[in-house]
Amino acid sequence: MNHQAIYNLYPNVVSVDDGEGAKDKDGNPVSIVRSNYEAEVARLQANYEAEQIQAETDKASAVSKLEALGLTDAEIKALSGGL
């Protein structure tokens, strides 16, 4: 996620190494503005967490709908691959 933040902020970056930093296509270092980087990491983390919550909500909704159709827990598990 941290590297993705850099790629999102700096389209000219083609590689990121934890030791050497961000580099452009010519191998030149790209300066990173720490406050922008930290804000982007926070945004990506928030999006990831929201996606995880939505996935759990969707799973619960699907199970509820299957139960409403009269399926047993075993049938739901068999259909869902272990929901």
PDB file of N, CA and C in Angstrom:
ATOM      1  N   MET A   1       0.821  -1.184   0.000  1.00  0.00           N
ATOM      2  CA  MET A   1       0.000   0.000   0.000  1.00  0.00           C
ATOM      3  C   MET A   1       0.874   1.261   0.000  1.00  0.00           C
ATOM      4  N   ASN A   2       1.997   1.219   0.691  1.00  0.00           N
ATOM      5  CA  ASN A   2       2.871   2.385   0.759  1.00  0.00           C
ATOM      6  C   ASN A   2       3.468   2.725  -0.600  1.00  0.00           C
ATOM      7  N   HIS A   3       3.880   1.719  -1.343  1.00  0.00           N
ATOM      8  CA  HIS A   3       4.422   1.967  -2.672  1.00  0.00           C
ATOM      9  C   HIS A   3       3.318   2.489  -3.587  1.00  0.00           C
ATOM     10  N   GLN A   4       2.118   1.938  -3.443  1.00  0.00           N
ATOM     11  CA  GLN A   4       1.010   2.380  -4.275  1.00  0.00           C
ATOM     12  C   GLN A   4       0.726   3.858  -4.071  1.00  0.00           C
ATOM     13  N   ALA A   5       0.862   4.339  -2.855  1.00  0.00           N
ATOM     14  CA  ALA A   5       0.653   5.760  -2.569  1.00  0.00           C
ATOM     15  C   ALA A   5       1.622   6.609  -3.393  1.00  0.00           C
ATOM     16  N   ILE A   6       2.860   6.173  -3.482  1.00  0.00           N
ATOM     17  CA  ILE A   6       3.856   6.912  -4.258  1.00  0.00           C
ATOM     18  C   ILE A   6       3.503   6.883  -5.737  1.00  0.00           C
ATOM     19  N   TYR A   7       3.141   5.705  -6.246  1.00  0.00           N
ATOM     20  CA  TYR A   7       2.761   5.614  -7.654  1.00  0.00           C
ATOM     21  C   TYR A   7       1.540   6.485  -7.954  1.00  0.00           C
ATOM     22  N   ASN A   8       0.603   6.546  -7.038  1.00  0.00           N
ATOM     23  CA  ASN A   8      -0.586   7.374  -7.238  1.00  0.00           C
ATOM     24  C   ASN A   8      -0.235   8.860  -7.304  1.00  0.00           C
ATOM     25  N   LEU A   9       0.679   9.283  -6.452  1.00  0.00           N
ATOM     26  CA  LEU A   9       1.021  10.698  -6.356  1.00  0.00           C
ATOM     27  C   LEU A   9       2.006  11.165  -7.429  1.00  0.00           C
ATOM     28  N   TYR A  10       2.863  10.267  -7.857  1.00  0.00           N
ATOM     29  CA  TYR A  10       3.945  10.639  -8.766  1.00  0.00           C
ATOM     30  C   TYR A  10       3.928   9.728  -9.988  1.00  0.00           C
ATOM     31  N   PRO A  11       3.194  10.122 -11.025  1.00  0.00           N
ATOM     32  CA  PRO A  11       3.071   9.267 -12.213  1.00  0.00           C
ATOM     33  C   PRO A  11       4.389   9.014 -12.945  1.00  0.00           C
ATOM     34  N   ASN A  12       5.393   9.834 -12.686  1.00  0.00           N
ATOM     35  CA  ASN A  12       6.686   9.630 -13.339  1.00  0.00           C
ATOM     36  C   ASN A  12       7.535   8.568 -12.648  1.00  0.00           C
ATOM     37  N   VAL A  13       7.097   8.096 -11.484  1.00  0.00           N
ATOM     38  CA  VAL A  13       7.844   7.061 -10.765  1.00  0.00           C
ATOM     39  C   VAL A  13       7.579   5.708 -11.421  1.00  0.00           C
ATOM     40  N   VAL A  14       8.657   5.000 -11.719  1.00  0.00           N
ATOM     41  CA  VAL A  14       8.523   3.667 -12.314  1.00  0.00           C
ATOM     42  C   VAL A  14       8.985   2.556 -11.384  1.00  0.00           C
ATOM     43  N   SER A  15       9.707   2.928 -10.308  1.00  0.00           N
ATOM     44  CA  SER A  15      10.116   1.916  -9.339  1.00  0.00           C
ATOM     45  C   SER A  15      10.255   2.553  -7.963  1.00  0.00           C
ATOM     46  N   VAL A  16       9.976   1.728  -6.957  1.00  0.00           N
ATOM     47  CA  VAL A  16      10.122   2.167  -5.572  1.00  0.00           C
ATOM     48  C   VAL A  16      10.857   1.067  -4.829  1.00  0.00           C
ATOM     49  N   ASP A  17      11.928   1.442  -4.171  1.00  0.00           N
ATOM     50  CA  ASP A  17      12.709   0.515  -3.369  1.00  0.00           C
ATOM     51  C   ASP A  17      12.773   1.095  -1.963  1.00  0.00           C
ATOM     52  N   ASP A  18      12.507   0.263  -0.960  1.00  0.00           N
ATOM     53  CA  ASP A  18      12.505   0.758   0.416  1.00  0.00           C
ATOM     54  C   ASP A  18      13.857   1.342   0.823  1.00  0.00           C
ATOM     55  N   GLY A  19      14.924   0.873   0.224  1.00  0.00           N
ATOM     56  CA  GLY A  19      16.249   1.383   0.567  1.00  0.00           C
ATOM     57  C   GLY A  19      16.681   2.558  -0.293  1.00  0.00           C
ATOM     58  N   GLU A  20      16.373   2.486  -1.580  1.00  0.00           N
ATOM     59  CA  GLU A  20      16.850   3.506  -2.516  1.00  0.00           C
ATOM     60  C   GLU A  20      15.821   4.579  -2.827  1.00  0.00           C
ATOM     61  N   GLY A  21      14.587   4.373  -2.480  1.00  0.00           N
ATOM     62  CA  GLY A  21      13.554   5.375  -2.726  1.00  0.00           C
ATOM     63  C   GLY A  21      12.897   5.220  -4.085  1.00  0.00           C
ATOM     64  N   ALA A  22      12.224   6.285  -4.502  1.00  0.00           N
ATOM     65  CA  ALA A  22      11.481   6.290  -5.766  1.00  0.00           C
ATOM     66  C   ALA A  22      12.387   6.754  -6.895  1.00  0.00           C
ATOM     67  N   LYS A  23      12.227   6.113  -8.044  1.00  0.00           N
ATOM     68  CA  LYS A  23      13.049   6.453  -9.216  1.00  0.00           C
ATOM     69  C   LYS A  23      12.155   6.654 -10.432  1.00  0.00           C
ATOM     70  N   ASP A  24      12.591   7.541 -11.322  1.00  0.00           N
ATOM     71  CA  ASP A  24      11.886   7.729 -12.588  1.00  0.00           C
ATOM     72  C   ASP A  24      12.442   6.752 -13.625  1.00  0.00           C
ATOM     73  N   LYS A  25      11.958   6.873 -14.857  1.00  0.00           N
ATOM     74  CA  LYS A  25      12.352   5.923 -15.911  1.00  0.00           C
ATOM     75  C   LYS A  25      13.844   5.951 -16.221  1.00  0.00           C
ATOM     76  N   ASP A  26      14.503   7.054 -15.907  1.00  0.00           N
ATOM     77  CA  ASP A  26      15.939   7.174 -16.156  1.00  0.00           C
ATOM     78  C   ASP A  26      16.786   6.791 -14.946  1.00  0.00           C
ATOM     79  N   GLY A  27      16.128   6.334 -13.887  1.00  0.00           N
ATOM     80  CA  GLY A  27      16.856   5.946 -12.684  1.00  0.00           C
ATOM     81  C   GLY A  27      17.154   7.098 -11.750  1.00  0.00           C
ATOM     82  N   ASN A  28      16.612   8.271 -12.061  1.00  0.00           N
ATOM     83  CA  ASN A  28      16.834   9.442 -11.207  1.00  0.00           C
ATOM     84  C   ASN A  28      15.901   9.395 -10.005  1.00  0.00           C
ATOM     85  N   PRO A  29      16.401   9.846  -8.856  1.00  0.00           N
ATOM     86  CA  PRO A  29      15.533   9.856  -7.672  1.00  0.00           C
ATOM     87  C   PRO A  29      14.405  10.876  -7.827  1.00  0.00           C
ATOM     88  N   VAL A  30      13.252  10.525  -7.281  1.00  0.00           N
ATOM     89  CA  VAL A  30      12.101  11.420  -7.279  1.00  0.00           C
ATOM     90  C   VAL A  30      11.840  11.818  -5.826  1.00  0.00           C
ATOM     91  N   SER A  31      11.804  13.121  -5.580  1.00  0.00           N
ATOM     92  CA  SER A  31      11.553  13.614  -4.228  1.00  0.00           C
ATOM     93  C   SER A  31      10.089  13.418  -3.865  1.00  0.00           C
ATOM     94  N   ILE A  32       9.870  12.921  -2.660  1.00  0.00           N
ATOM     95  CA  ILE A  32       8.527  12.645  -2.163  1.00  0.00           C
ATOM     96  C   ILE A  32       8.195  13.659  -1.070  1.00  0.00           C
ATOM     97  N   VAL A  33       7.031  14.290  -1.204  1.00  0.00           N
ATOM     98  CA  VAL A  33       6.557  15.206  -0.167  1.00  0.00           C
ATOM     99  C   VAL A  33       5.878  14.350   0.896  1.00  0.00           C
ATOM    100  N   ARG A  34       6.490  14.293   2.064  1.00  0.00           N
ATOM    101  CA  ARG A  34       6.047  13.378   3.127  1.00  0.00           C
ATOM    102  C   ARG A  34       4.585  13.585   3.510  1.00  0.00           C
ATOM    103  N   SER A  35       4.137  14.817   3.648  1.00  0.00           N
ATOM    104  CA  SER A  35       2.751  15.063   4.059  1.00  0.00           C
ATOM    105  C   SER A  35       1.759  14.556   3.012  1.00  0.00           C
ATOM    106  N   ASN A  36       2.086  14.728   1.737  1.00  0.00           N
ATOM    107  CA  ASN A  36       1.213  14.210   0.667  1.00  0.00           C
ATOM    108  C   ASN A  36       1.199  12.684   0.685  1.00  0.00           C
ATOM    109  N   TYR A  37       2.388  12.119   0.880  1.00  0.00           N
ATOM    110  CA  TYR A  37       2.517  10.659   0.941  1.00  0.00           C
ATOM    111  C   TYR A  37       1.694  10.095   2.094  1.00  0.00           C
ATOM    112  N   GLU A  38       1.826  10.687   3.273  1.00  0.00           N
ATOM    113  CA  GLU A  38       1.088  10.194   4.440  1.00  0.00           C
ATOM    114  C   GLU A  38      -0.412  10.316   4.246  1.00  0.00           C
ATOM    115  N   ALA A  39      -0.855  11.400   3.624  1.00  0.00           N
ATOM    116  CA  ALA A  39      -2.288  11.579   3.352  1.00  0.00           C
ATOM    117  C   ALA A  39      -2.788  10.518   2.375  1.00  0.00           C
ATOM    118  N   GLU A  40      -1.994  10.195   1.372  1.00  0.00           N
ATOM    119  CA  GLU A  40      -2.403   9.187   0.387  1.00  0.00           C
ATOM    120  C   GLU A  40      -2.425   7.793   1.006  1.00  0.00           C
ATOM    121  N   VAL A  41      -1.450   7.489   1.858  1.00  0.00           N
ATOM    122  CA  VAL A  41      -1.455   6.200   2.556  1.00  0.00           C
ATOM    123  C   VAL A  41      -2.708   6.086   3.414  1.00  0.00           C
ATOM    124  N   ALA A  42      -3.058   7.153   4.116  1.00  0.00           N
ATOM    125  CA  ALA A  42      -4.264   7.147   4.959  1.00  0.00           C
ATOM    126  C   ALA A  42      -5.506   6.951   4.110  1.00  0.00           C
ATOM    127  N   ARG A  43      -5.568   7.606   2.940  1.00  0.00           N
ATOM    128  CA  ARG A  43      -6.718   7.460   2.049  1.00  0.00           C
ATOM    129  C   ARG A  43      -6.838   6.025   1.546  1.00  0.00           C
ATOM    130  N   LEU A  44      -5.708   5.445   1.138  1.00  0.00           N
ATOM    131  CA  LEU A  44      -5.718   4.065   0.652  1.00  0.00           C
ATOM    132  C   LEU A  44      -6.135   3.092   1.755  1.00  0.00           C
ATOM    133  N   GLN A  45      -5.643   3.315   2.965  1.00  0.00           N
ATOM    134  CA  GLN A  45      -6.000   2.458   4.100  1.00  0.00           C
ATOM    135  C   GLN A  45      -7.487   2.555   4.400  1.00  0.00           C
ATOM    136  N   ALA A  46      -8.023   3.761   4.378  1.00  0.00           N
ATOM    137  CA  ALA A  46      -9.456   3.956   4.632  1.00  0.00           C
ATOM    138  C   ALA A  46     -10.290   3.263   3.559  1.00  0.00           C
ATOM    139  N   ASN A  47      -9.861   3.369   2.306  1.00  0.00           N
ATOM    140  CA  ASN A  47     -10.580   2.687   1.223  1.00  0.00           C
ATOM    141  C   ASN A  47     -10.541   1.178   1.396  1.00  0.00           C
ATOM    142  N   TYR A  48      -9.378   0.655   1.761  1.00  0.00           N
ATOM    143  CA  TYR A  48      -9.230  -0.784   1.969  1.00  0.00           C
ATOM    144  C   TYR A  48     -10.158  -1.257   3.082  1.00  0.00           C
ATOM    145  N   GLU A  49     -10.160  -0.528   4.192  1.00  0.00           N
ATOM    146  CA  GLU A  49     -11.009  -0.907   5.319  1.00  0.00           C
ATOM    147  C   GLU A  49     -12.487  -0.828   4.949  1.00  0.00           C
ATOM    148  N   ALA A  50     -12.868   0.187   4.180  1.00  0.00           N
ATOM    149  CA  ALA A  50     -14.258   0.309   3.737  1.00  0.00           C
ATOM    150  C   ALA A  50     -14.642  -0.857   2.832  1.00  0.00           C
ATOM    151  N   GLU A  51     -13.729  -1.280   1.960  1.00  0.00           N
ATOM    152  CA  GLU A  51     -13.987  -2.429   1.086  1.00  0.00           C
ATOM    153  C   GLU A  51     -14.168  -3.704   1.897  1.00  0.00           C
ATOM    154  N   GLN A  52     -13.358  -3.869   2.944  1.00  0.00           N
ATOM    155  CA  GLN A  52     -13.477  -5.051   3.790  1.00  0.00           C
ATOM    156  C   GLN A  52     -14.813  -5.066   4.522  1.00  0.00           C
ATOM    157  N   ILE A  53     -15.218  -3.924   5.030  1.00  0.00           N
ATOM    158  CA  ILE A  53     -16.507  -3.823   5.719  1.00  0.00           C
ATOM    159  C   ILE A  53     -17.636  -4.108   4.743  1.00  0.00           C
ATOM    160  N   GLN A  54     -17.547  -3.565   3.534  1.00  0.00           N
ATOM    161  CA  GLN A  54     -18.589  -3.803   2.531  1.00  0.00           C
ATOM    162  C   GLN A  54     -18.653  -5.277   2.156  1.00  0.00           C
ATOM    163  N   ALA A  55     -17.513  -5.929   2.049  1.00  0.00           N
ATOM    164  CA  ALA A  55     -17.492  -7.352   1.717  1.00  0.00           C
ATOM    165  C   ALA A  55     -18.187  -8.175   2.803  1.00  0.00           C
ATOM    166  N   GLU A  56     -17.926  -7.840   4.070  1.00  0.00           N
ATOM    167  CA  GLU A  56     -18.580  -8.541   5.178  1.00  0.00           C
ATOM    168  C   GLU A  56     -20.081  -8.283   5.176  1.00  0.00           C
ATOM    169  N   THR A  57     -20.469  -7.051   4.896  1.00  0.00           N
ATOM    170  CA  THR A  57     -21.891  -6.700   4.819  1.00  0.00           C
ATOM    171  C   THR A  57     -22.569  -7.463   3.688  1.00  0.00           C
ATOM    172  N   ASP A  58     -21.916  -7.514   2.537  1.00  0.00           N
ATOM    173  CA  ASP A  58     -22.470  -8.249   1.396  1.00  0.00           C
ATOM    174  C   ASP A  58     -22.608  -9.735   1.708  1.00  0.00           C
ATOM    175  N   LYS A  59     -21.606 -10.291   2.392  1.00  0.00           N
ATOM    176  CA  LYS A  59     -21.645 -11.702   2.754  1.00  0.00           C
ATOM    177  C   LYS A  59     -22.832 -11.974   3.686  1.00  0.00           C
ATOM    178  N   ALA A  60     -23.000 -11.130   4.690  1.00  0.00           N
ATOM    179  CA  ALA A  60     -24.109 -11.306   5.630  1.00  0.00           C
ATOM    180  C   ALA A  60     -25.449 -11.167   4.923  1.00  0.00           C
ATOM    181  N   SER A  61     -25.534 -10.242   4.006  1.00  0.00           N
ATOM    182  CA  SER A  61     -26.770 -10.053   3.241  1.00  0.00           C
ATOM    183  C   SER A  61     -27.080 -11.281   2.385  1.00  0.00           C
ATOM    184  N   ALA A  62     -26.052 -11.818   1.747  1.00  0.00           N
ATOM    185  CA  ALA A  62     -26.251 -13.001   0.905  1.00  0.00           C
ATOM    186  C   ALA A  62     -26.720 -14.187   1.736  1.00  0.00           C
ATOM    187  N   VAL A  63     -26.096 -14.400   2.882  1.00  0.00           N
ATOM    188  CA  VAL A  63     -26.484 -15.506   3.763  1.00  0.00           C
ATOM    189  C   VAL A  63     -27.928 -15.319   4.221  1.00  0.00           C
ATOM    190  N   SER A  64     -28.283 -14.110   4.586  1.00  0.00           N
ATOM    191  CA  SER A  64     -29.642 -13.813   5.031  1.00  0.00           C
ATOM    192  C   SER A  64     -30.662 -14.113   3.939  1.00  0.00           C
ATOM    193  N   LYS A  65     -30.354 -13.743   2.732  1.00  0.00           N
ATOM    194  CA  LYS A  65     -31.267 -13.993   1.604  1.00  0.00           C
ATOM    195  C   LYS A  65     -31.398 -15.491   1.332  1.00  0.00           C
ATOM    196  N   LEU A  66     -30.279 -16.209   1.425  1.00  0.00           N
ATOM    197  CA  LEU A  66     -30.340 -17.655   1.215  1.00  0.00           C
ATOM    198  C   LEU A  66     -31.154 -18.337   2.316  1.00  0.00           C
ATOM    199  N   GLU A  67     -30.994 -17.870   3.555  1.00  0.00           N
ATOM    200  CA  GLU A  67     -31.782 -18.416   4.665  1.00  0.00           C
ATOM    201  C   GLU A  67     -33.267 -18.129   4.456  1.00  0.00           C
ATOM    202  N   ALA A  68     -33.571 -16.936   3.940  1.00  0.00           N
ATOM    203  CA  ALA A  68     -34.971 -16.561   3.683  1.00  0.00           C
ATOM    204  C   ALA A  68     -35.592 -17.453   2.606  1.00  0.00           C
ATOM    205  N   LEU A  69     -34.754 -17.985   1.729  1.00  0.00           N
ATOM    206  CA  LEU A  69     -35.246 -18.907   0.704  1.00  0.00           C
ATOM    207  C   LEU A  69     -35.452 -20.320   1.254  1.00  0.00           C
ATOM    208  N   GLY A  70     -35.021 -20.529   2.487  1.00  0.00           N
ATOM    209  CA  GLY A  70     -35.231 -21.813   3.127  1.00  0.00           C
ATOM    210  C   GLY A  70     -34.041 -22.754   3.077  1.00  0.00           C
ATOM    211  N   LEU A  71     -32.904 -22.279   2.639  1.00  0.00           N
ATOM    212  CA  LEU A  71     -31.725 -23.137   2.600  1.00  0.00           C
ATOM    213  C   LEU A  71     -31.197 -23.362   4.009  1.00  0.00           C
ATOM    214  N   THR A  72     -30.661 -24.551   4.236  1.00  0.00           N
ATOM    215  CA  THR A  72     -30.050 -24.863   5.524  1.00  0.00           C
ATOM    216  C   THR A  72     -28.637 -24.281   5.572  1.00  0.00           C
ATOM    217  N   ASP A  73     -28.062 -24.240   6.766  1.00  0.00           N
ATOM    218  CA  ASP A  73     -26.696 -23.755   6.913  1.00  0.00           C
ATOM    219  C   ASP A  73     -25.723 -24.590   6.070  1.00  0.00           C
ATOM    220  N   ALA A  74     -25.941 -25.882   6.049  1.00  0.00           N
ATOM    221  CA  ALA A  74     -25.076 -26.779   5.272  1.00  0.00           C
ATOM    222  C   ALA A  74     -25.192 -26.475   3.776  1.00  0.00           C
ATOM    223  N   GLU A  75     -26.413 -26.222   3.305  1.00  0.00           N
ATOM    224  CA  GLU A  75     -26.595 -25.893   1.887  1.00  0.00           C
ATOM    225  C   GLU A  75     -25.960 -24.562   1.538  1.00  0.00           C
ATOM    226  N   ILE A  76     -26.118 -23.599   2.423  1.00  0.00           N
ATOM    227  CA  ILE A  76     -25.506 -22.298   2.192  1.00  0.00           C
ATOM    228  C   ILE A  76     -23.993 -22.414   2.147  1.00  0.00           C
ATOM    229  N   LYS A  77     -23.439 -23.177   3.067  1.00  0.00           N
ATOM    230  CA  LYS A  77     -21.994 -23.387   3.112  1.00  0.00           C
ATOM    231  C   LYS A  77     -21.509 -24.070   1.832  1.00  0.00           C
ATOM    232  N   ALA A  78     -22.281 -25.063   1.369  1.00  0.00           N
ATOM    233  CA  ALA A  78     -21.909 -25.784   0.154  1.00  0.00           C
ATOM    234  C   ALA A  78     -21.929 -24.853  -1.068  1.00  0.00           C
ATOM    235  N   LEU A  79     -22.903 -23.974  -1.128  1.00  0.00           N
ATOM    236  CA  LEU A  79     -23.000 -23.047  -2.267  1.00  0.00           C
ATOM    237  C   LEU A  79     -21.936 -21.960  -2.227  1.00  0.00           C
ATOM    238  N   SER A  80     -21.629 -21.519  -1.042  1.00  0.00           N
ATOM    239  CA  SER A  80     -20.778 -20.346  -0.902  1.00  0.00           C
ATOM    240  C   SER A  80     -19.301 -20.656  -0.764  1.00  0.00           C
ATOM    241  N   GLY A  81     -18.977 -21.883  -0.611  1.00  0.00           N
ATOM    242  CA  GLY A  81     -17.587 -22.221  -0.384  1.00  0.00           C
ATOM    243  C   GLY A  81     -17.140 -21.869   1.029  1.00  0.00           C
ATOM    244  N   GLY A  82     -18.094 -21.850   1.947  1.00  0.00           N
ATOM    245  CA  GLY A  82     -17.751 -21.633   3.347  1.00  0.00           C
ATOM    246  C   GLY A  82     -18.080 -20.288   3.914  1.00  0.00           C
ATOM    247  N   LEU A  83     -19.058 -19.606   3.329  1.00  0.00           N
ATOM    248  CA  LEU A  83     -19.441 -18.310   3.903  1.00  0.00           C
ATOM    249  C   LEU A  83     -19.680 -18.504   5.364  1.00  0.00           C
TER     250      LEU A  83
END
